[in-house]
Each structure stands twice: as structure tokens, then as C-alpha cells.
Protein backbone atom coordinates (compact mmCIF):
# COMPACT_ATOMS: atom_id res chain seq x y z
CA MET A 1 20.38 -49.01 -24.84
CA ILE A 2 21.98 -46.12 -22.94
CA THR A 3 24.35 -46.11 -20.01
CA CYS A 4 23.93 -43.79 -17.05
CA PHE A 5 27.13 -42.62 -15.39
CA ILE A 6 26.64 -41.01 -11.99
CA ARG A 7 29.70 -39.12 -10.80
CA TYR A 8 29.84 -38.50 -7.09
CA GLU A 9 32.12 -36.17 -5.24
CA ILE A 10 32.24 -37.78 -1.81
CA ASP A 11 33.62 -36.83 1.56
CA PRO A 12 37.02 -38.63 1.63
CA PHE A 13 36.43 -39.65 5.25
CA LYS A 14 33.18 -41.42 4.32
CA LYS A 15 34.46 -44.04 1.86
CA ASP A 16 33.15 -46.85 4.09
CA ALA A 17 29.71 -45.22 4.26
CA PHE A 18 29.75 -44.86 0.46
CA ALA A 19 30.52 -48.59 0.16
CA GLU A 20 27.52 -49.35 2.38
CA TYR A 21 25.36 -47.08 0.21
CA ALA A 22 26.64 -48.82 -2.95
CA ARG A 23 25.97 -52.33 -1.58
CA ALA A 24 22.36 -51.37 -0.89
CA TRP A 25 21.93 -50.15 -4.49
CA GLY A 26 23.39 -53.50 -5.57
CA GLN A 27 20.17 -55.05 -4.26
CA VAL A 28 17.66 -52.30 -5.05
CA ILE A 29 18.58 -51.31 -8.61
CA PRO A 30 18.38 -54.77 -10.24
CA ARG A 31 15.11 -55.62 -8.50
CA ASN A 32 13.65 -52.45 -10.00
CA GLY A 33 14.46 -53.60 -13.53
CA VAL A 34 17.77 -51.93 -14.38
CA ASP A 35 21.05 -53.55 -15.48
CA LEU A 36 23.49 -52.38 -12.80
CA ILE A 37 27.11 -52.46 -13.92
CA GLY A 38 28.35 -51.36 -10.53
CA TYR A 39 29.38 -48.70 -8.07
CA PHE A 40 33.03 -47.72 -7.99
CA ALA A 41 34.75 -46.12 -4.99
CA PRO A 42 38.12 -44.38 -4.77
CA HIS A 43 41.09 -46.74 -4.77
CA GLU A 44 44.12 -44.86 -6.11
CA GLY A 45 44.42 -41.23 -7.18
CA SER A 46 41.43 -39.10 -6.22
CA ALA A 47 40.04 -39.82 -2.77
CA THR A 48 36.80 -38.02 -3.55
CA THR A 49 35.55 -39.33 -6.91
CA ALA A 50 33.16 -42.29 -7.12
CA TYR A 51 30.82 -43.61 -9.82
CA GLY A 52 27.59 -45.52 -10.23
CA VAL A 53 27.04 -47.07 -13.68
CA TYR A 54 24.02 -48.85 -15.15
CA ASN A 55 22.38 -49.65 -18.47
CA ILE A 56 18.77 -48.81 -19.28
CA GLU A 57 16.69 -49.05 -22.45
CA SER A 58 15.76 -45.36 -22.85
CA LEU A 59 15.13 -42.07 -21.05
CA ALA A 60 11.44 -43.03 -20.83
CA ALA A 61 12.43 -46.29 -19.12
CA TYR A 62 14.66 -44.23 -16.80
CA GLU A 63 11.69 -42.07 -15.73
CA ALA A 64 9.59 -45.18 -14.98
CA TYR A 65 12.53 -46.69 -13.06
CA ARG A 66 12.91 -43.53 -10.93
CA THR A 67 9.21 -43.78 -10.00
CA ARG A 68 9.64 -47.42 -8.95
CA LEU A 69 12.81 -46.55 -7.04
CA ALA A 70 11.06 -43.79 -5.09
CA ALA A 71 8.40 -46.29 -3.98
CA ASP A 72 10.88 -49.01 -2.98
CA PRO A 73 11.31 -49.12 0.84
CA LEU A 74 15.02 -50.05 0.68
CA GLY A 75 15.56 -47.38 -1.99
CA GLN A 76 13.96 -44.77 0.26
CA ALA A 77 16.05 -45.96 3.21
CA ASN A 78 19.21 -45.63 1.11
CA PHE A 79 18.32 -42.11 -0.05
CA ASP A 80 17.70 -41.22 3.62
CA PHE A 81 21.02 -42.80 4.66
CA ALA A 82 22.93 -40.69 2.10
CA ARG A 83 21.23 -37.50 3.30
CA ARG A 84 21.74 -38.32 6.97
CA GLU A 85 25.42 -39.18 6.43
CA ARG A 86 25.96 -36.24 4.05
CA LEU A 87 27.87 -38.55 1.74
CA PHE A 88 27.96 -36.31 -1.31
CA VAL A 89 29.44 -32.93 -1.94
CA LYS A 90 28.21 -33.14 -5.54
CA GLU A 91 26.38 -35.58 -7.80
CA ASP A 92 26.21 -35.44 -11.62
CA ARG A 93 24.39 -37.75 -14.02
CA VAL A 94 25.05 -38.22 -17.73
CA PHE A 95 23.53 -40.67 -20.22
CA LEU A 96 25.82 -42.01 -22.94
CA LYS A 97 25.45 -44.46 -25.80
CA ASN A 98 28.18 -47.01 -26.59
CA VAL A 99 29.15 -46.33 -30.19
CA SER A 100 32.20 -48.61 -30.39
CA LEU A 101 30.28 -51.92 -30.49
CA PRO A 102 30.96 -54.57 -31.56
CA HIS A 103 34.41 -54.79 -29.99
CA GLY A 104 37.07 -57.08 -31.36
CA PRO A 105 38.36 -60.06 -29.39
CA LYS A 106 40.78 -59.47 -26.55
CA VAL A 107 44.32 -60.53 -27.45
CA ALA A 108 46.58 -61.91 -24.72
CA PRO A 109 49.81 -59.92 -24.17
């Protein structure tokens, strides 16, 4: 299993539009077979950094997912929405593997 981290640099005046974009992916990504962890928008600190995070089995599975996503009508509409709104200044994608598992139990403070 690998985790994809998408780092977005967004227009700080378009946080609401980014939230709309993220909610749409909340429907599209899982129905196309990927374990969506979530989309994260600026809250405190940077007003321009946002993330999308999901788990996928492999890079081969990622390529198949991207093909399904491109054919999904709501996925296409969301890509078009982002372009039309010019939501992103920059977008970077990195795939990481969790090497700290298994984690120990959480201890109450």
C-alpha cells in the first residue's frame, strides 16, 4: 500500500471554491476504487497550502485509477471546475509508504 499526497498551492481568495472541489472528490474518488483519506484546506498558518491524501495499492493501480477517473463524468466536471476557477497556482504529487507500522496504542494524557 502507498499513500499519495497531493500538495496544492491555492489562491487564498478561493478557499470556498477549493472546499467545493474537495467535496466533489469525496464522492468521485471512492467510487473509482481508491481509499480517500481526505482533502485538507488552510485553517491556521498558510492561507495557500492545501492537501489531498489517499491510499492505493500500487503505482500500477494508480494508473488504472487515473484512467477510470478521466472517464467519470463527475470527475471530468470537477477537473473542468478547477480549470475554470483557476484554483491552483501549483500542484505536486508524491507517493510515500508508511514505514512506522504497526503503531503502539495511544496513551491518554
